[in-house]
Amino acid sequence: MSDLLAGAYLAKGTIGNVGMPGAPVASFVLVVVPSQHSVSGTVVITQAIQGPDSYIVVPVTGKIFSTGIGKVTQVVGLKGQYVHSVPPPAFGSFLADFEANLAIDNEWNGTGGFSYYEHNIENVPVKAANQVELV
């Protein structure tokens, strides 16, 4: 049982064009367990434009795999759902899907993309917030 979390670490960073006015950015904090190929944590999507999609918190789970292909040493897939509220004059809420795919190096820098309710962001930078930390 003690081997279950062998090699676990914390990864933090962003997906998106940070600093580009109006661009949605997904910030992530993930617990990575390479021995189980699992990833789980939280993604926060922010956008400078006010509206229902300007601040979204998404609990996520996913998979991580080594590639052995040049600078892209790992691929990560994330999925989650969040409550999306419909703006006035309509009303109501529903569960909306979030997905992200990352092609990264061992420091969690690379390229990726993400999608959420009626938004699809592709081929944007993935940047580690600081060095990947061991848990």
N, C-alpha and C. Protein backbone atom coordinates (compact mmCIF):
# COMPACT_ATOMS: atom_id res chain seq x y z
N MET A 1 0.82 -1.19 0.00
CA MET A 1 0.00 0.00 0.00
C MET A 1 0.87 1.26 0.00
N SER A 2 2.03 1.24 0.63
CA SER A 2 2.89 2.42 0.68
C SER A 2 3.44 2.79 -0.69
N ASP A 3 3.46 1.84 -1.63
CA ASP A 3 3.95 2.10 -2.98
C ASP A 3 2.92 2.81 -3.85
N LEU A 4 1.70 2.90 -3.35
CA LEU A 4 0.60 3.48 -4.12
C LEU A 4 0.89 4.92 -4.55
N LEU A 5 1.52 5.70 -3.69
CA LEU A 5 1.82 7.10 -4.00
C LEU A 5 3.29 7.34 -4.29
N ALA A 6 4.01 6.29 -4.65
CA ALA A 6 5.45 6.41 -4.93
C ALA A 6 5.70 7.44 -6.03
N GLY A 7 6.59 8.38 -5.74
CA GLY A 7 6.97 9.38 -6.72
C GLY A 7 5.98 10.52 -6.89
N ALA A 8 4.97 10.62 -6.02
CA ALA A 8 3.95 11.68 -6.14
C ALA A 8 4.58 13.06 -5.99
N TYR A 9 4.06 14.02 -6.76
CA TYR A 9 4.55 15.40 -6.67
C TYR A 9 3.44 16.38 -7.02
N LEU A 10 3.69 17.65 -6.71
CA LEU A 10 2.74 18.73 -6.97
C LEU A 10 3.20 19.52 -8.19
N ALA A 11 2.30 19.73 -9.13
CA ALA A 11 2.60 20.53 -10.33
C ALA A 11 1.67 21.73 -10.36
N LYS A 12 2.25 22.93 -10.60
CA LYS A 12 1.46 24.15 -10.68
C LYS A 12 1.87 24.90 -11.94
N GLY A 13 0.89 25.54 -12.60
CA GLY A 13 1.23 26.32 -13.77
C GLY A 13 0.01 26.88 -14.47
N THR A 14 0.23 27.30 -15.72
CA THR A 14 -0.83 27.91 -16.51
C THR A 14 -0.88 27.31 -17.91
N ILE A 15 -2.08 27.36 -18.49
CA ILE A 15 -2.31 26.99 -19.88
C ILE A 15 -2.95 28.20 -20.53
N GLY A 16 -2.32 28.77 -21.55
CA GLY A 16 -2.90 29.91 -22.23
C GLY A 16 -1.91 31.04 -22.44
N ASN A 17 -2.38 32.06 -23.12
CA ASN A 17 -1.56 33.22 -23.44
C ASN A 17 -1.64 34.23 -22.32
N VAL A 18 -0.86 34.00 -21.26
CA VAL A 18 -0.84 34.89 -20.10
C VAL A 18 -0.38 36.28 -20.56
N GLY A 19 -1.11 37.31 -20.14
CA GLY A 19 -0.75 38.68 -20.51
C GLY A 19 -1.44 39.19 -21.76
N MET A 20 -2.08 38.31 -22.54
CA MET A 20 -2.82 38.76 -23.72
C MET A 20 -4.20 39.23 -23.28
N PRO A 21 -4.55 40.49 -23.55
CA PRO A 21 -5.84 41.04 -23.10
C PRO A 21 -7.03 40.20 -23.58
N GLY A 22 -7.88 39.81 -22.64
CA GLY A 22 -9.09 39.08 -22.98
C GLY A 22 -8.91 37.58 -23.17
N ALA A 23 -7.68 37.09 -23.19
CA ALA A 23 -7.45 35.66 -23.42
C ALA A 23 -7.78 34.86 -22.17
N PRO A 24 -8.55 33.77 -22.30
CA PRO A 24 -8.78 32.92 -21.14
C PRO A 24 -7.50 32.18 -20.77
N VAL A 25 -7.25 32.05 -19.48
CA VAL A 25 -6.07 31.35 -18.98
C VAL A 25 -6.53 30.35 -17.94
N ALA A 26 -6.05 29.12 -18.04
CA ALA A 26 -6.36 28.08 -17.07
C ALA A 26 -5.13 27.88 -16.18
N SER A 27 -5.28 28.17 -14.89
CA SER A 27 -4.22 27.93 -13.91
C SER A 27 -4.51 26.60 -13.23
N PHE A 28 -3.48 25.78 -13.06
CA PHE A 28 -3.71 24.46 -12.47
C PHE A 28 -2.81 24.20 -11.27
N VAL A 29 -3.33 23.42 -10.35
CA VAL A 29 -2.59 22.86 -9.23
C VAL A 29 -2.99 21.38 -9.20
N LEU A 30 -2.00 20.51 -9.42
CA LEU A 30 -2.29 19.09 -9.59
C LEU A 30 -1.38 18.22 -8.74
N VAL A 31 -1.94 17.16 -8.19
CA VAL A 31 -1.15 16.12 -7.56
C VAL A 31 -0.95 15.05 -8.63
N VAL A 32 0.31 14.75 -8.91
CA VAL A 32 0.67 13.81 -9.97
C VAL A 32 1.25 12.55 -9.32
N VAL A 33 0.72 11.40 -9.71
CA VAL A 33 1.23 10.12 -9.22
C VAL A 33 1.65 9.31 -10.46
N PRO A 34 2.89 9.48 -10.91
CA PRO A 34 3.33 8.82 -12.14
C PRO A 34 3.21 7.30 -12.10
N SER A 35 3.45 6.69 -10.95
CA SER A 35 3.37 5.23 -10.85
C SER A 35 1.96 4.71 -11.12
N GLN A 36 0.96 5.55 -10.92
CA GLN A 36 -0.44 5.18 -11.19
C GLN A 36 -0.98 5.85 -12.46
N HIS A 37 -0.15 6.63 -13.13
CA HIS A 37 -0.55 7.41 -14.33
C HIS A 37 -1.73 8.32 -14.03
N SER A 38 -1.82 8.82 -12.78
CA SER A 38 -2.98 9.62 -12.41
C SER A 38 -2.60 11.06 -12.07
N VAL A 39 -3.56 11.94 -12.32
CA VAL A 39 -3.43 13.36 -12.04
C VAL A 39 -4.77 13.81 -11.47
N SER A 40 -4.76 14.62 -10.41
CA SER A 40 -6.01 15.18 -9.89
C SER A 40 -5.71 16.51 -9.24
N GLY A 41 -6.71 17.38 -9.23
CA GLY A 41 -6.50 18.68 -8.63
C GLY A 41 -7.57 19.66 -9.04
N THR A 42 -7.14 20.92 -9.18
CA THR A 42 -8.07 22.01 -9.49
C THR A 42 -7.52 22.88 -10.61
N VAL A 43 -8.41 23.29 -11.50
CA VAL A 43 -8.10 24.25 -12.55
C VAL A 43 -8.99 25.47 -12.34
N VAL A 44 -8.41 26.66 -12.41
CA VAL A 44 -9.18 27.90 -12.32
C VAL A 44 -9.01 28.64 -13.65
N ILE A 45 -10.12 28.86 -14.33
CA ILE A 45 -10.12 29.58 -15.61
C ILE A 45 -10.48 31.03 -15.33
N THR A 46 -9.62 31.94 -15.78
CA THR A 46 -9.89 33.37 -15.61
C THR A 46 -9.84 34.06 -16.96
N GLN A 47 -10.61 35.11 -17.05
CA GLN A 47 -10.64 35.92 -18.27
C GLN A 47 -10.96 37.35 -17.85
N ALA A 48 -10.23 38.31 -18.40
CA ALA A 48 -10.39 39.70 -18.00
C ALA A 48 -11.76 40.26 -18.39
N ILE A 49 -12.40 39.68 -19.39
CA ILE A 49 -13.72 40.15 -19.82
C ILE A 49 -14.76 39.66 -18.82
N GLN A 50 -15.55 40.58 -18.27
CA GLN A 50 -16.56 40.21 -17.29
C GLN A 50 -17.67 39.40 -17.93
N GLY A 51 -18.19 38.44 -17.20
CA GLY A 51 -19.28 37.62 -17.67
C GLY A 51 -19.30 36.31 -16.93
N PRO A 52 -20.19 35.40 -17.33
CA PRO A 52 -20.34 34.14 -16.60
C PRO A 52 -19.10 33.24 -16.70
N ASP A 53 -18.25 33.46 -17.68
CA ASP A 53 -17.07 32.62 -17.85
C ASP A 53 -15.78 33.32 -17.45
N SER A 54 -15.87 34.39 -16.65
CA SER A 54 -14.66 35.14 -16.30
C SER A 54 -13.91 34.57 -15.10
N TYR A 55 -14.53 33.67 -14.34
CA TYR A 55 -13.86 33.01 -13.21
C TYR A 55 -14.56 31.68 -12.96
N ILE A 56 -13.88 30.59 -13.28
CA ILE A 56 -14.47 29.25 -13.16
C ILE A 56 -13.51 28.35 -12.41
N VAL A 57 -14.01 27.63 -11.43
CA VAL A 57 -13.22 26.66 -10.68
C VAL A 57 -13.69 25.26 -11.06
N VAL A 58 -12.74 24.41 -11.49
CA VAL A 58 -13.08 23.08 -11.97
C VAL A 58 -12.24 22.02 -11.25
N PRO A 59 -12.88 21.10 -10.51
CA PRO A 59 -12.13 19.95 -10.00
C PRO A 59 -11.85 19.00 -11.18
N VAL A 60 -10.61 18.53 -11.29
CA VAL A 60 -10.24 17.71 -12.45
C VAL A 60 -9.55 16.41 -12.03
N THR A 61 -9.64 15.44 -12.90
CA THR A 61 -8.87 14.20 -12.80
C THR A 61 -8.34 13.91 -14.19
N GLY A 62 -7.32 13.06 -14.26
CA GLY A 62 -6.80 12.74 -15.58
C GLY A 62 -5.70 11.71 -15.54
N LYS A 63 -5.03 11.60 -16.67
CA LYS A 63 -3.97 10.63 -16.88
C LYS A 63 -2.70 11.32 -17.35
N ILE A 64 -1.56 10.74 -16.99
CA ILE A 64 -0.26 11.23 -17.44
C ILE A 64 0.54 10.03 -17.95
N PHE A 65 1.21 10.22 -19.09
CA PHE A 65 2.02 9.16 -19.67
C PHE A 65 3.32 9.73 -20.21
N SER A 66 4.38 8.96 -20.10
CA SER A 66 5.67 9.32 -20.70
C SER A 66 5.62 9.05 -22.19
N THR A 67 6.34 9.88 -22.96
CA THR A 67 6.30 9.71 -24.42
C THR A 67 7.59 9.16 -25.00
N GLY A 68 8.72 9.65 -24.50
CA GLY A 68 10.00 9.27 -25.09
C GLY A 68 10.24 9.92 -26.44
N ILE A 69 9.55 11.04 -26.69
CA ILE A 69 9.65 11.73 -27.99
C ILE A 69 10.28 13.10 -27.80
N GLY A 70 11.57 13.24 -28.04
CA GLY A 70 12.24 14.54 -28.01
C GLY A 70 11.97 15.35 -26.76
N LYS A 71 11.63 16.64 -26.96
CA LYS A 71 11.40 17.55 -25.83
C LYS A 71 10.08 17.30 -25.13
N VAL A 72 9.13 16.70 -25.82
CA VAL A 72 7.86 16.35 -25.21
C VAL A 72 8.04 15.01 -24.50
N THR A 73 8.23 15.08 -23.18
CA THR A 73 8.50 13.86 -22.43
C THR A 73 7.25 13.28 -21.78
N GLN A 74 6.18 14.09 -21.70
CA GLN A 74 4.95 13.64 -21.06
C GLN A 74 3.73 14.21 -21.78
N VAL A 75 2.66 13.45 -21.75
CA VAL A 75 1.37 13.96 -22.21
C VAL A 75 0.38 13.80 -21.06
N VAL A 76 -0.48 14.81 -20.91
CA VAL A 76 -1.44 14.83 -19.82
C VAL A 76 -2.81 15.12 -20.40
N GLY A 77 -3.81 14.39 -19.94
CA GLY A 77 -5.20 14.65 -20.29
C GLY A 77 -5.99 14.89 -19.02
N LEU A 78 -6.76 15.98 -18.99
CA LEU A 78 -7.57 16.33 -17.83
C LEU A 78 -9.03 16.44 -18.21
N LYS A 79 -9.92 16.07 -17.29
CA LYS A 79 -11.35 16.23 -17.50
C LYS A 79 -11.99 16.65 -16.19
N GLY A 80 -13.06 17.41 -16.29
CA GLY A 80 -13.82 17.80 -15.11
C GLY A 80 -15.12 18.46 -15.50
N GLN A 81 -15.93 18.77 -14.51
CA GLN A 81 -17.20 19.47 -14.73
C GLN A 81 -17.34 20.58 -13.70
N TYR A 82 -18.08 21.60 -14.08
CA TYR A 82 -18.34 22.72 -13.19
C TYR A 82 -19.76 23.21 -13.44
N VAL A 83 -20.30 23.96 -12.49
CA VAL A 83 -21.65 24.51 -12.62
C VAL A 83 -21.58 25.79 -13.43
N HIS A 84 -22.27 25.78 -14.56
CA HIS A 84 -22.34 26.97 -15.42
C HIS A 84 -23.72 27.60 -15.23
N SER A 85 -23.75 28.85 -14.85
CA SER A 85 -25.02 29.56 -14.66
C SER A 85 -25.32 30.39 -15.89
N VAL A 86 -26.56 30.35 -16.30
CA VAL A 86 -27.01 31.08 -17.48
C VAL A 86 -27.28 32.53 -17.08
N PRO A 87 -26.71 33.51 -17.83
CA PRO A 87 -26.91 34.92 -17.48
C PRO A 87 -28.32 35.40 -17.83
N PRO A 88 -28.81 36.45 -17.15
CA PRO A 88 -30.12 37.02 -17.45
C PRO A 88 -30.18 37.48 -18.90
N PRO A 89 -31.30 37.46 -19.55
CA PRO A 89 -32.65 37.31 -19.01
C PRO A 89 -33.05 35.85 -18.75
N ALA A 90 -32.30 34.88 -19.28
CA ALA A 90 -32.60 33.49 -18.98
C ALA A 90 -32.17 33.20 -17.54
N PHE A 91 -32.46 32.00 -17.07
CA PHE A 91 -32.01 31.65 -15.73
C PHE A 91 -31.81 30.14 -15.66
N GLY A 92 -31.03 29.72 -14.70
CA GLY A 92 -30.76 28.31 -14.49
C GLY A 92 -29.28 28.00 -14.51
N SER A 93 -28.97 26.77 -14.17
CA SER A 93 -27.58 26.30 -14.15
C SER A 93 -27.53 24.86 -14.65
N PHE A 94 -26.37 24.46 -15.12
CA PHE A 94 -26.18 23.08 -15.56
C PHE A 94 -24.70 22.72 -15.43
N LEU A 95 -24.40 21.44 -15.48
CA LEU A 95 -23.02 20.99 -15.44
C LEU A 95 -22.40 21.11 -16.82
N ALA A 96 -21.30 21.83 -16.91
CA ALA A 96 -20.57 22.00 -18.17
C ALA A 96 -19.26 21.23 -18.08
N ASP A 97 -18.79 20.75 -19.22
CA ASP A 97 -17.57 19.95 -19.29
C ASP A 97 -16.34 20.82 -19.49
N PHE A 98 -15.23 20.37 -18.92
CA PHE A 98 -13.91 20.96 -19.13
C PHE A 98 -12.98 19.84 -19.54
N GLU A 99 -12.12 20.11 -20.53
CA GLU A 99 -11.09 19.16 -20.94
C GLU A 99 -9.82 19.92 -21.27
N ALA A 100 -8.67 19.30 -20.99
CA ALA A 100 -7.38 19.89 -21.35
C ALA A 100 -6.44 18.77 -21.76
N ASN A 101 -5.57 19.10 -22.71
CA ASN A 101 -4.53 18.18 -23.16
C ASN A 101 -3.22 18.94 -23.22
N LEU A 102 -2.18 18.35 -22.63
CA LEU A 102 -0.88 19.01 -22.55
C LEU A 102 0.21 18.11 -23.11
N ALA A 103 1.12 18.69 -23.87
CA ALA A 103 2.34 18.03 -24.33
C ALA A 103 3.48 18.80 -23.70
N ILE A 104 4.13 18.21 -22.70
CA ILE A 104 5.06 18.97 -21.85
C ILE A 104 6.39 18.25 -21.66
N ASP A 105 7.35 19.01 -21.11
CA ASP A 105 8.63 18.41 -20.73
C ASP A 105 8.57 18.05 -19.24
N ASN A 106 9.68 17.60 -18.68
CA ASN A 106 9.68 17.19 -17.28
C ASN A 106 9.48 18.34 -16.30
N GLU A 107 9.68 19.57 -16.74
CA GLU A 107 9.47 20.74 -15.89
C GLU A 107 8.06 21.32 -16.03
N TRP A 108 7.20 20.68 -16.81
CA TRP A 108 5.83 21.09 -17.06
C TRP A 108 5.73 22.36 -17.90
N ASN A 109 6.62 22.47 -18.88
CA ASN A 109 6.54 23.53 -19.89
C ASN A 109 6.32 22.87 -21.23
N GLY A 110 5.49 23.49 -22.07
CA GLY A 110 5.24 22.92 -23.39
C GLY A 110 4.08 23.62 -24.08
N THR A 111 3.23 22.82 -24.70
CA THR A 111 2.09 23.34 -25.46
C THR A 111 0.86 22.53 -25.09
N GLY A 112 -0.29 23.18 -25.17
CA GLY A 112 -1.52 22.47 -24.85
C GLY A 112 -2.74 23.23 -25.29
N GLY A 113 -3.85 22.82 -24.77
CA GLY A 113 -5.11 23.46 -25.08
C GLY A 113 -6.17 23.01 -24.10
N PHE A 114 -7.26 23.75 -24.06
CA PHE A 114 -8.37 23.37 -23.19
C PHE A 114 -9.69 23.84 -23.78
N SER A 115 -10.76 23.18 -23.36
CA SER A 115 -12.09 23.57 -23.82
C SER A 115 -13.05 23.56 -22.64
N TYR A 116 -13.98 24.47 -22.69
CA TYR A 116 -15.06 24.55 -21.72
C TYR A 116 -16.23 25.21 -22.42
N TYR A 117 -17.38 25.25 -21.80
CA TYR A 117 -18.62 25.67 -22.43
C TYR A 117 -18.44 26.72 -23.54
N GLU A 118 -18.64 26.28 -24.77
CA GLU A 118 -18.58 27.12 -25.98
C GLU A 118 -17.24 27.82 -26.20
N HIS A 119 -16.17 27.34 -25.58
CA HIS A 119 -14.84 27.90 -25.76
C HIS A 119 -13.88 26.77 -26.08
N ASN A 120 -13.01 26.99 -27.06
CA ASN A 120 -12.00 26.01 -27.44
C ASN A 120 -10.68 26.74 -27.68
N ILE A 121 -9.71 26.51 -26.82
CA ILE A 121 -8.44 27.20 -26.90
C ILE A 121 -7.38 26.16 -27.24
N GLU A 122 -6.69 26.33 -28.37
CA GLU A 122 -5.72 25.33 -28.82
C GLU A 122 -4.36 25.95 -29.06
N ASN A 123 -3.34 25.09 -28.99
CA ASN A 123 -1.97 25.46 -29.34
C ASN A 123 -1.49 26.70 -28.58
N VAL A 124 -1.62 26.65 -27.26
CA VAL A 124 -1.18 27.75 -26.40
C VAL A 124 -0.08 27.25 -25.47
N PRO A 125 0.71 28.17 -24.91
CA PRO A 125 1.81 27.76 -24.02
C PRO A 125 1.32 27.14 -22.71
N VAL A 126 2.06 26.16 -22.25
CA VAL A 126 1.91 25.61 -20.90
C VAL A 126 3.18 26.00 -20.16
N LYS A 127 3.03 26.68 -19.04
CA LYS A 127 4.18 27.17 -18.28
C LYS A 127 4.05 26.74 -16.82
N ALA A 128 5.13 26.20 -16.29
CA ALA A 128 5.17 25.86 -14.87
C ALA A 128 5.21 27.14 -14.04
N ALA A 129 4.48 27.17 -12.92
CA ALA A 129 4.46 28.35 -12.05
C ALA A 129 5.80 28.51 -11.36
N ASN A 130 6.36 27.43 -10.88
CA ASN A 130 7.72 27.38 -10.36
C ASN A 130 8.17 25.95 -10.55
N GLN A 131 9.29 25.61 -10.03
CA GLN A 131 9.77 24.25 -10.19
C GLN A 131 8.73 23.27 -9.64
N VAL A 132 8.63 22.12 -10.27
CA VAL A 132 7.75 21.08 -9.78
C VAL A 132 8.23 20.68 -8.41
N GLU A 133 7.30 20.60 -7.44
CA GLU A 133 7.66 20.31 -6.06
C GLU A 133 7.35 18.87 -5.70
N LEU A 134 8.23 18.25 -4.95
CA LEU A 134 7.96 16.91 -4.43
C LEU A 134 7.06 17.02 -3.23
N VAL A 135 6.10 16.11 -3.15
CA VAL A 135 5.16 16.10 -2.02
C VAL A 135 5.76 15.30 -0.89
